[in-house]
């Protein structure tokens, strides 16, 4: 009879126990009380340790959240006093506390400050502003909200007013950029069309010997001995709306002699329509 060794479940092995206590302390009591035959006091001790770990983690998490919130509130005070650099420093400290981004308002506030400091956002706002809003801006009467934060929006309105004289330049730059993008789009459109046209033409010819596939097939079909067809050379001329293709080949005539022949044809750009122009 062969002796068999029963392997312990991972959660009963020493390393499994340690890992579970560290990363999943909340499920340890369940495993201890339902999956082990340990002494009652050992189970109680392990349950107590797990409870302490869970409570400790909760306390630490709450402390970090409170510290993060205090730093965000501190950043708000700095913003109200127009100390943006100090506000960013406080927000960076808050972000370093390893709190989930969706639960840390520091990230959203930093994004709003980034908007305030963005020269591109400034240019875009002035460029897209209506003449009526621009007139109100120059008078210092514009009340629109560009940043969803009262203090930051006030700072941004002040920044807009200081740069109001640059609006004409920004509009000219924007128009120049629009024209350039339009030109590049047209250029790409032409390049894509040329590329598609070239590919449509090139796929008609064999990559092996350069022969025109359909013209060669047409020639073979008209020969006395199609099996004797031997391609020699093919040249073509692009006539913009069609191709002129000239093929030289060898083949047996009706007397069985091998002769060189020449066929010139007019072929549509898609290769579907073939008209024989010369044959000798």
C-alpha atoms as a PDB file:
ATOM      1  CA  UNK A   1       0.000   0.000   0.000  1.00  0.00           C
ATOM      2  CA  UNK A   2       1.381   3.400  -1.003  1.00  0.00           C
ATOM      3  CA  UNK A   3       1.603   5.990   1.755  1.00  0.00           C
ATOM      4  CA  UNK A   4      -0.151   9.237   0.811  1.00  0.00           C
ATOM      5  CA  UNK A   5       0.535  12.621   2.339  1.00  0.00           C
ATOM      6  CA  UNK A   6      -2.436  14.943   2.830  1.00  0.00           C
ATOM      7  CA  UNK A   7      -1.461  18.530   2.033  1.00  0.00           C
ATOM      8  CA  UNK A   8      -2.652  21.263   4.390  1.00  0.00           C
ATOM      9  CA  UNK A   9      -4.805  24.091   2.990  1.00  0.00           C
ATOM     10  CA  UNK A  10      -2.765  27.270   2.390  1.00  0.00           C
ATOM     11  CA  UNK A  11      -4.540  29.133   5.206  1.00  0.00           C
ATOM     12  CA  UNK A  12      -3.350  26.471   7.697  1.00  0.00           C
ATOM     13  CA  UNK A  13       0.302  26.797   6.700  1.00  0.00           C
ATOM     14  CA  UNK A  14       2.454  29.242   8.672  1.00  0.00           C
ATOM     15  CA  UNK A  15       3.117  31.512   5.672  1.00  0.00           C
ATOM     16  CA  UNK A  16      -0.547  31.485   4.676  1.00  0.00           C
ATOM     17  CA  UNK A  17      -1.593  32.492   8.177  1.00  0.00           C
ATOM     18  CA  UNK A  18       0.874  35.392   8.250  1.00  0.00           C
ATOM     19  CA  UNK A  19      -0.182  36.681   4.806  1.00  0.00           C
ATOM     20  CA  UNK A  20      -3.854  36.437   5.682  1.00  0.00           C
ATOM     21  CA  UNK A  21      -3.365  38.308   8.958  1.00  0.00           C
ATOM     22  CA  UNK A  22      -1.450  41.091   7.178  1.00  0.00           C
ATOM     23  CA  UNK A  23      -3.645  41.545   4.097  1.00  0.00           C
ATOM     24  CA  UNK A  24      -7.046  40.107   5.061  1.00  0.00           C
ATOM     25  CA  UNK A  25      -7.313  40.362   8.860  1.00  0.00           C
ATOM     26  CA  UNK A  26     -11.112  40.682   8.708  1.00  0.00           C
ATOM     27  CA  UNK A  27     -11.568  37.093   7.393  1.00  0.00           C
ATOM     28  CA  UNK A  28      -9.036  35.472   9.714  1.00  0.00           C
ATOM     29  CA  UNK A  29     -11.471  34.999  12.654  1.00  0.00           C
ATOM     30  CA  UNK A  30     -13.910  33.186  10.355  1.00  0.00           C
ATOM     31  CA  UNK A  31     -11.203  30.809   9.117  1.00  0.00           C
ATOM     32  CA  UNK A  32      -9.827  30.260  12.607  1.00  0.00           C
ATOM     33  CA  UNK A  33     -13.177  29.431  14.156  1.00  0.00           C
ATOM     34  CA  UNK A  34     -14.599  27.345  11.293  1.00  0.00           C
ATOM     35  CA  UNK A  35     -11.608  25.733   9.615  1.00  0.00           C
ATOM     36  CA  UNK A  36      -9.224  24.871  12.455  1.00  0.00           C
ATOM     37  CA  UNK A  37      -9.240  22.636  15.535  1.00  0.00           C
ATOM     38  CA  UNK A  38      -6.962  24.925  17.527  1.00  0.00           C
ATOM     39  CA  UNK A  39      -7.342  25.545  21.235  1.00  0.00           C
ATOM     40  CA  UNK A  40     -10.144  27.947  22.178  1.00  0.00           C
ATOM     41  CA  UNK A  41      -7.738  30.467  23.764  1.00  0.00           C
ATOM     42  CA  UNK A  42      -5.524  30.448  20.678  1.00  0.00           C
ATOM     43  CA  UNK A  43      -8.565  31.279  18.571  1.00  0.00           C
ATOM     44  CA  UNK A  44      -9.530  34.091  20.957  1.00  0.00           C
ATOM     45  CA  UNK A  45      -5.985  35.497  20.895  1.00  0.00           C
ATOM     46  CA  UNK A  46      -5.833  35.468  17.082  1.00  0.00           C
ATOM     47  CA  UNK A  47      -9.280  37.077  16.842  1.00  0.00           C
ATOM     48  CA  UNK A  48      -8.161  39.823  19.243  1.00  0.00           C
ATOM     49  CA  UNK A  49      -4.987  40.469  17.213  1.00  0.00           C
ATOM     50  CA  UNK A  50      -7.030  40.724  14.001  1.00  0.00           C
ATOM     51  CA  UNK A  51      -9.478  43.106  15.672  1.00  0.00           C
ATOM     52  CA  UNK A  52      -6.602  45.313  16.799  1.00  0.00           C
ATOM     53  CA  UNK A  53      -5.133  45.334  13.262  1.00  0.00           C
ATOM     54  CA  UNK A  54      -8.486  46.216  11.672  1.00  0.00           C
ATOM     55  CA  UNK A  55      -9.201  48.969  14.211  1.00  0.00           C
ATOM     56  CA  UNK A  56      -5.650  50.293  13.833  1.00  0.00           C
ATOM     57  CA  UNK A  57      -6.023  50.441  10.055  1.00  0.00           C
ATOM     58  CA  UNK A  58      -9.346  52.232  10.368  1.00  0.00           C
ATOM     59  CA  UNK A  59      -7.886  54.761  12.805  1.00  0.00           C
ATOM     60  CA  UNK A  60      -4.865  55.319  10.567  1.00  0.00           C
ATOM     61  CA  UNK A  61      -7.086  55.753   7.516  1.00  0.00           C
ATOM     62  CA  UNK A  62      -9.306  58.260   9.318  1.00  0.00           C
ATOM     63  CA  UNK A  63      -6.268  60.163  10.575  1.00  0.00           C
ATOM     64  CA  UNK A  64      -4.829  60.385   7.064  1.00  0.00           C
ATOM     65  CA  UNK A  65      -8.179  61.541   5.669  1.00  0.00           C
ATOM     66  CA  UNK A  66      -8.454  64.219   8.354  1.00  0.00           C
ATOM     67  CA  UNK A  67      -4.858  65.324   7.743  1.00  0.00           C
ATOM     68  CA  UNK A  68      -5.590  65.474   4.013  1.00  0.00           C
ATOM     69  CA  UNK A  69      -8.719  67.546   4.611  1.00  0.00           C
ATOM     70  CA  UNK A  70      -6.787  69.940   6.876  1.00  0.00           C
ATOM     71  CA  UNK A  71      -4.197  70.424   4.128  1.00  0.00           C
ATOM     72  CA  UNK A  72      -6.930  71.116   1.553  1.00  0.00           C
ATOM     73  CA  UNK A  73      -8.511  73.671   3.909  1.00  0.00           C
ATOM     74  CA  UNK A  74      -5.078  75.207   4.373  1.00  0.00           C
ATOM     75  CA  UNK A  75      -4.710  75.391   0.586  1.00  0.00           C
ATOM     76  CA  UNK A  76      -8.075  77.188   0.367  1.00  0.00           C
ATOM     77  CA  UNK A  77      -6.797  79.819   2.815  1.00  0.00           C
ATOM     78  CA  UNK A  78      -3.637  80.279   0.739  1.00  0.00           C
ATOM     79  CA  UNK A  79      -5.757  80.705  -2.400  1.00  0.00           C
ATOM     80  CA  UNK A  80      -7.907  83.362  -0.726  1.00  0.00           C
ATOM     81  CA  UNK A  81      -4.689  85.221   0.092  1.00  0.00           C
ATOM     82  CA  UNK A  82      -3.414  84.812  -3.492  1.00  0.00           C
ATOM     83  CA  UNK A  83      -0.592  82.474  -2.407  1.00  0.00           C
ATOM     84  CA  UNK A  84      -0.983  79.907  -5.171  1.00  0.00           C
ATOM     85  CA  UNK A  85       2.494  78.418  -4.726  1.00  0.00           C
ATOM     86  CA  UNK A  86       1.859  77.697  -1.035  1.00  0.00           C
ATOM     87  CA  UNK A  87      -1.549  76.243  -1.916  1.00  0.00           C
ATOM     88  CA  UNK A  88       0.035  73.820  -4.379  1.00  0.00           C
ATOM     89  CA  UNK A  89       2.585  72.756  -1.774  1.00  0.00           C
ATOM     90  CA  UNK A  90      -0.218  71.937   0.688  1.00  0.00           C
ATOM     91  CA  UNK A  91      -2.142  70.021  -1.993  1.00  0.00           C
ATOM     92  CA  UNK A  92       0.937  67.992  -2.930  1.00  0.00           C
ATOM     93  CA  UNK A  93       1.363  66.990   0.724  1.00  0.00           C
ATOM     94  CA  UNK A  94      -2.285  65.927   0.810  1.00  0.00           C
ATOM     95  CA  UNK A  95      -1.826  63.788  -2.296  1.00  0.00           C
ATOM     96  CA  UNK A  96       1.183  62.048  -0.744  1.00  0.00           C
ATOM     97  CA  UNK A  97      -1.026  60.583   2.005  1.00  0.00           C
ATOM     98  CA  UNK A  98      -2.080  57.716  -0.313  1.00  0.00           C
ATOM     99  CA  UNK A  99      -5.811  58.380  -0.207  1.00  0.00           C
ATOM    100  CA  UNK A 100      -7.998  57.234  -3.085  1.00  0.00           C
ATOM    101  CA  UNK A 101      -8.130  60.033  -5.674  1.00  0.00           C
ATOM    102  CA  UNK A 102     -11.929  60.089  -5.782  1.00  0.00           C
ATOM    103  CA  UNK A 103     -12.002  60.622  -1.997  1.00  0.00           C
ATOM    104  CA  UNK A 104      -9.310  63.313  -1.893  1.00  0.00           C
ATOM    105  CA  UNK A 105     -10.510  66.834  -2.908  1.00  0.00           C
ATOM    106  CA  UNK A 106      -6.876  67.904  -3.274  1.00  0.00           C
ATOM    107  CA  UNK A 107      -6.746  66.485  -6.804  1.00  0.00           C
ATOM    108  CA  UNK A 108      -9.834  68.364  -8.021  1.00  0.00           C
ATOM    109  CA  UNK A 109      -8.592  71.629  -6.483  1.00  0.00           C
ATOM    110  CA  UNK A 110      -5.179  71.206  -8.094  1.00  0.00           C
ATOM    111  CA  UNK A 111      -6.858  70.762 -11.498  1.00  0.00           C
ATOM    112  CA  UNK A 112      -8.652  74.080 -11.022  1.00  0.00           C
ATOM    113  CA  UNK A 113      -5.370  75.809 -10.140  1.00  0.00           C
ATOM    114  CA  UNK A 114      -3.796  74.250 -13.238  1.00  0.00           C
ATOM    115  CA  UNK A 115      -6.620  75.812 -15.255  1.00  0.00           C
ATOM    116  CA  UNK A 116      -5.893  79.194 -13.691  1.00  0.00           C
ATOM    117  CA  UNK A 117      -2.203  78.946 -14.596  1.00  0.00           C
ATOM    118  CA  UNK A 118      -2.728  77.579 -18.107  1.00  0.00           C
ATOM    119  CA  UNK A 119      -1.761  80.054 -20.828  1.00  0.00           C
ATOM    120  CA  UNK A 120      -3.619  77.913 -23.358  1.00  0.00           C
ATOM    121  CA  UNK A 121      -6.841  78.127 -21.336  1.00  0.00           C
ATOM    122  CA  UNK A 122      -6.355  81.906 -21.077  1.00  0.00           C
ATOM    123  CA  UNK A 123      -5.875  82.235 -24.855  1.00  0.00           C
ATOM    124  CA  UNK A 124      -8.815  79.971 -25.622  1.00  0.00           C
ATOM    125  CA  UNK A 125     -11.102  81.885 -23.257  1.00  0.00           C
ATOM    126  CA  UNK A 126     -10.196  85.295 -24.689  1.00  0.00           C
ATOM    127  CA  UNK A 127     -10.409  84.017 -28.270  1.00  0.00           C
ATOM    128  CA  UNK A 128     -13.824  82.365 -27.858  1.00  0.00           C
ATOM    129  CA  UNK A 129     -15.281  85.201 -25.795  1.00  0.00           C
ATOM    130  CA  UNK A 130     -18.148  87.124 -27.388  1.00  0.00           C
ATOM    131  CA  UNK A 131     -17.655  90.825 -28.111  1.00  0.00           C
ATOM    132  CA  UNK A 132     -20.315  91.607 -25.493  1.00  0.00           C
ATOM    133  CA  UNK A 133     -18.466  89.620 -22.795  1.00  0.00           C
ATOM    134  CA  UNK A 134     -15.161  91.164 -23.857  1.00  0.00           C
ATOM    135  CA  UNK A 135     -16.633  94.659 -23.487  1.00  0.00           C
ATOM    136  CA  UNK A 136     -17.840  93.752 -19.981  1.00  0.00           C
ATOM    137  CA  UNK A 137     -14.396  92.317 -19.181  1.00  0.00           C
ATOM    138  CA  UNK A 138     -12.661  95.534 -20.142  1.00  0.00           C
ATOM    139  CA  UNK A 139     -15.062  97.469 -17.930  1.00  0.00           C
ATOM    140  CA  UNK A 140     -14.459  95.057 -15.068  1.00  0.00           C
ATOM    141  CA  UNK A 141     -18.129  94.049 -15.060  1.00  0.00           C
ATOM    142  CA  UNK A 142     -17.903  90.482 -16.385  1.00  0.00           C
ATOM    143  CA  UNK A 143     -19.498  88.022 -13.928  1.00  0.00           C
ATOM    144  CA  UNK A 144     -19.134  84.760 -15.853  1.00  0.00           C
ATOM    145  CA  UNK A 145     -17.732  81.645 -14.187  1.00  0.00           C
ATOM    146  CA  UNK A 146     -14.819  80.078 -16.099  1.00  0.00           C
ATOM    147  CA  UNK A 147     -13.430  78.105 -13.150  1.00  0.00           C
ATOM    148  CA  UNK A 148     -15.783  76.360 -10.731  1.00  0.00           C
ATOM    149  CA  UNK A 149     -14.195  77.984  -7.687  1.00  0.00           C
ATOM    150  CA  UNK A 150     -15.123  81.480  -6.497  1.00  0.00           C
ATOM    151  CA  UNK A 151     -11.661  82.695  -5.466  1.00  0.00           C
ATOM    152  CA  UNK A 152      -9.838  81.090  -8.395  1.00  0.00           C
ATOM    153  CA  UNK A 153     -12.451  82.434 -10.815  1.00  0.00           C
ATOM    154  CA  UNK A 154     -11.920  85.965  -9.477  1.00  0.00           C
ATOM    155  CA  UNK A 155      -8.175  85.581  -9.990  1.00  0.00           C
ATOM    156  CA  UNK A 156      -8.785  84.286 -13.493  1.00  0.00           C
ATOM    157  CA  UNK A 157     -11.072  87.222 -14.354  1.00  0.00           C
ATOM    158  CA  UNK A 158      -8.308  89.569 -13.180  1.00  0.00           C
ATOM    159  CA  UNK A 159      -5.818  87.654 -15.330  1.00  0.00           C
ATOM    160  CA  UNK A 160      -8.155  87.928 -18.318  1.00  0.00           C
ATOM    161  CA  UNK A 161      -8.498  91.668 -17.809  1.00  0.00           C
ATOM    162  CA  UNK A 162      -4.716  92.132 -17.641  1.00  0.00           C
ATOM    163  CA  UNK A 163      -4.300  90.228 -20.916  1.00  0.00           C
ATOM    164  CA  UNK A 164      -7.279  91.796 -22.683  1.00  0.00           C
ATOM    165  CA  UNK A 165      -5.020  93.790 -25.035  1.00  0.00           C
ATOM    166  CA  UNK A 166      -3.615  90.464 -26.343  1.00  0.00           C
ATOM    167  CA  UNK A 167      -7.020  89.240 -27.574  1.00  0.00           C
ATOM    168  CA  UNK A 168      -6.521  90.528 -31.133  1.00  0.00           C
ATOM    169  CA  UNK A 169      -3.139  88.780 -31.293  1.00  0.00           C
ATOM    170  CA  UNK A 170      -4.609  85.543 -29.929  1.00  0.00           C
ATOM    171  CA  UNK A 171      -7.451  85.644 -32.461  1.00  0.00           C
ATOM    172  CA  UNK A 172      -4.947  86.196 -35.301  1.00  0.00           C
ATOM    173  CA  UNK A 173      -2.786  83.320 -34.009  1.00  0.00           C
ATOM    174  CA  UNK A 174      -5.853  81.110 -33.727  1.00  0.00           C
ATOM    175  CA  UNK A 175      -6.928  81.943 -37.276  1.00  0.00           C
ATOM    176  CA  UNK A 176      -3.413  81.244 -38.544  1.00  0.00           C
ATOM    177  CA  UNK A 177      -3.424  77.925 -36.702  1.00  0.00           C
ATOM    178  CA  UNK A 178      -6.862  77.088 -38.128  1.00  0.00           C
ATOM    179  CA  UNK A 179      -5.641  77.836 -41.660  1.00  0.00           C
ATOM    180  CA  UNK A 180      -2.518  75.759 -41.100  1.00  0.00           C
ATOM    181  CA  UNK A 181      -4.560  72.831 -39.774  1.00  0.00           C
ATOM    182  CA  UNK A 182      -6.932  73.156 -42.738  1.00  0.00           C
ATOM    183  CA  UNK A 183      -4.003  73.189 -45.176  1.00  0.00           C
ATOM    184  CA  UNK A 184      -2.470  70.154 -43.487  1.00  0.00           C
ATOM    185  CA  UNK A 185      -5.831  68.368 -43.603  1.00  0.00           C
ATOM    186  CA  UNK A 186      -6.144  69.134 -47.337  1.00  0.00           C
ATOM    187  CA  UNK A 187      -2.559  68.031 -47.917  1.00  0.00           C
ATOM    188  CA  UNK A 188      -3.185  64.776 -46.068  1.00  0.00           C
ATOM    189  CA  UNK A 189      -6.410  64.257 -48.026  1.00  0.00           C
ATOM    190  CA  UNK A 190      -4.497  64.641 -51.305  1.00  0.00           C
ATOM    191  CA  UNK A 191      -1.673  62.400 -50.062  1.00  0.00           C
ATOM    192  CA  UNK A 192      -4.164  59.725 -48.979  1.00  0.00           C
ATOM    193  CA  UNK A 193      -5.931  59.934 -52.355  1.00  0.00           C
ATOM    194  CA  UNK A 194      -2.597  59.670 -54.198  1.00  0.00           C
ATOM    195  CA  UNK A 195      -1.582  56.732 -52.032  1.00  0.00           C
ATOM    196  CA  UNK A 196      -4.892  54.946 -52.649  1.00  0.00           C
ATOM    197  CA  UNK A 197      -4.581  55.636 -56.380  1.00  0.00           C
ATOM    198  CA  UNK A 198      -1.005  54.318 -56.468  1.00  0.00           C
ATOM    199  CA  UNK A 199      -2.002  51.185 -54.555  1.00  0.00           C
ATOM    200  CA  UNK A 200      -4.960  50.627 -56.911  1.00  0.00           C
ATOM    201  CA  UNK A 201      -2.625  50.805 -59.911  1.00  0.00           C
ATOM    202  CA  UNK A 202       0.251  48.803 -58.437  1.00  0.00           C
ATOM    203  CA  UNK A 203      -1.934  45.905 -57.343  1.00  0.00           C
ATOM    204  CA  UNK A 204      -2.789  45.285 -61.013  1.00  0.00           C
ATOM    205  CA  UNK A 205       0.809  44.242 -61.703  1.00  0.00           C
ATOM    206  CA  UNK A 206       2.577  41.086 -60.607  1.00  0.00           C
ATOM    207  CA  UNK A 207       5.200  41.623 -57.914  1.00  0.00           C
ATOM    208  CA  UNK A 208       7.074  38.631 -59.353  1.00  0.00           C
ATOM    209  CA  UNK A 209       7.670  39.642 -62.986  1.00  0.00           C
ATOM    210  CA  UNK A 210       5.933  43.033 -63.329  1.00  0.00           C
ATOM    211  CA  UNK A 211       3.317  41.781 -65.784  1.00  0.00           C
ATOM    212  CA  UNK A 212      -0.218  43.145 -65.817  1.00  0.00           C
ATOM    213  CA  UNK A 213      -2.214  40.231 -64.396  1.00  0.00           C
ATOM    214  CA  UNK A 214      -5.476  40.712 -66.265  1.00  0.00           C
ATOM    215  CA  UNK A 215      -3.845  41.726 -69.553  1.00  0.00           C
ATOM    216  CA  UNK A 216      -1.627  38.634 -69.404  1.00  0.00           C
ATOM    217  CA  UNK A 217      -4.700  36.473 -68.815  1.00  0.00           C
ATOM    218  CA  UNK A 218      -6.438  38.131 -71.776  1.00  0.00           C
ATOM    219  CA  UNK A 219      -3.404  37.506 -73.978  1.00  0.00           C
ATOM    220  CA  UNK A 220      -3.212  33.833 -72.934  1.00  0.00           C
ATOM    221  CA  UNK A 221      -6.903  33.338 -73.715  1.00  0.00           C
ATOM    222  CA  UNK A 222      -6.332  34.568 -77.263  1.00  0.00           C
ATOM    223  CA  UNK A 223      -3.214  32.428 -77.951  1.00  0.00           C
ATOM    224  CA  UNK A 224      -3.043  29.199 -79.946  1.00  0.00           C
ATOM    225  CA  UNK A 225      -0.991  27.639 -77.174  1.00  0.00           C
ATOM    226  CA  UNK A 226      -1.602  29.452 -73.814  1.00  0.00           C
ATOM    227  CA  UNK A 227       0.917  27.188 -72.069  1.00  0.00           C
ATOM    228  CA  UNK A 228       3.694  28.595 -74.268  1.00  0.00           C
ATOM    229  CA  UNK A 229       3.156  32.128 -72.931  1.00  0.00           C
ATOM    230  CA  UNK A 230       6.371  33.614 -71.579  1.00  0.00           C
ATOM    231  CA  UNK A 231       6.360  37.181 -70.252  1.00  0.00           C
ATOM    232  CA  UNK A 232       9.348  39.298 -71.328  1.00  0.00           C
ATOM    233  CA  UNK A 233       8.658  42.864 -70.262  1.00  0.00           C
ATOM    234  CA  UNK A 234       5.814  45.178 -69.298  1.00  0.00           C
ATOM    235  CA  UNK A 235       5.845  48.967 -69.164  1.00  0.00           C
ATOM    236  CA  UNK A 236       3.030  51.371 -68.421  1.00  0.00           C
ATOM    237  CA  UNK A 237       2.291  55.088 -68.683  1.00  0.00           C
ATOM    238  CA  UNK A 238      -0.035  56.892 -66.295  1.00  0.00           C
ATOM    239  CA  UNK A 239      -2.389  59.068 -68.367  1.00  0.00           C
ATOM    240  CA  UNK A 240      -4.214  60.451 -65.281  1.00  0.00           C
ATOM    241  CA  UNK A 241      -7.623  58.961 -66.142  1.00  0.00           C
ATOM    242  CA  UNK A 242      -6.300  55.660 -67.528  1.00  0.00           C
ATOM    243  CA  UNK A 243      -3.140  53.614 -68.106  1.00  0.00           C
ATOM    244  CA  UNK A 244      -1.359  52.693 -71.311  1.00  0.00           C
ATOM    245  CA  UNK A 245       0.249  49.280 -70.816  1.00  0.00           C
ATOM    246  CA  UNK A 246       2.702  47.697 -73.231  1.00  0.00           C
ATOM    247  CA  UNK A 247       3.559  44.018 -72.812  1.00  0.00           C
ATOM    248  CA  UNK A 248       6.211  42.053 -74.711  1.00  0.00           C
ATOM    249  CA  UNK A 249       5.946  38.259 -74.550  1.00  0.00           C
ATOM    250  CA  UNK A 250       6.938  35.067 -76.347  1.00  0.00           C
ATOM    251  CA  UNK A 251       4.651  32.271 -77.474  1.00  0.00           C
ATOM    252  CA  UNK A 252       4.066  29.669 -80.137  1.00  0.00           C
ATOM    253  CA  UNK A 253       2.249  30.719 -83.298  1.00  0.00           C
ATOM    254  CA  UNK A 254      -0.076  28.558 -85.382  1.00  0.00           C
ATOM    255  CA  UNK A 255       2.948  26.904 -86.985  1.00  0.00           C
ATOM    256  CA  UNK A 256       4.459  25.950 -83.620  1.00  0.00           C
ATOM    257  CA  UNK A 257       7.299  28.427 -83.822  1.00  0.00           C
ATOM    258  CA  UNK A 258       8.157  30.576 -80.803  1.00  0.00           C
ATOM    259  CA  UNK A 259       7.878  34.264 -81.692  1.00  0.00           C
ATOM    260  CA  UNK A 260       8.067  37.547 -79.806  1.00  0.00           C
ATOM    261  CA  UNK A 261       4.838  39.556 -79.645  1.00  0.00           C
ATOM    262  CA  UNK A 262       3.846  43.011 -78.500  1.00  0.00           C
ATOM    263  CA  UNK A 263       0.488  44.131 -77.111  1.00  0.00           C
ATOM    264  CA  UNK A 264      -0.408  47.710 -76.183  1.00  0.00           C
ATOM    265  CA  UNK A 265      -3.638  48.330 -74.286  1.00  0.00           C
ATOM    266  CA  UNK A 266      -5.660  51.093 -72.675  1.00  0.00           C
ATOM    267  CA  UNK A 267      -6.651  50.067 -69.154  1.00  0.00           C
ATOM    268  CA  UNK A 268      -8.868  51.822 -66.606  1.00  0.00           C
ATOM    269  CA  UNK A 269      -7.282  52.860 -63.298  1.00  0.00           C
ATOM    270  CA  UNK A 270      -9.096  50.082 -61.455  1.00  0.00           C
ATOM    271  CA  UNK A 271      -7.905  47.546 -64.043  1.00  0.00           C
ATOM    272  CA  UNK A 272     -11.408  46.374 -64.904  1.00  0.00           C
ATOM    273  CA  UNK A 273     -11.703  47.733 -68.453  1.00  0.00           C
ATOM    274  CA  UNK A 274      -9.107  46.723 -71.041  1.00  0.00           C
ATOM    275  CA  UNK A 275      -9.038  47.961 -74.658  1.00  0.00           C
ATOM    276  CA  UNK A 276      -6.385  46.542 -77.007  1.00  0.00           C
ATOM    277  CA  UNK A 277      -4.813  49.368 -79.020  1.00  0.00           C
ATOM    278  CA  UNK A 278      -2.029  47.601 -80.899  1.00  0.00           C
ATOM    279  CA  UNK A 279      -0.958  44.000 -81.343  1.00  0.00           C
ATOM    280  CA  UNK A 280       1.954  42.762 -83.449  1.00  0.00           C
END
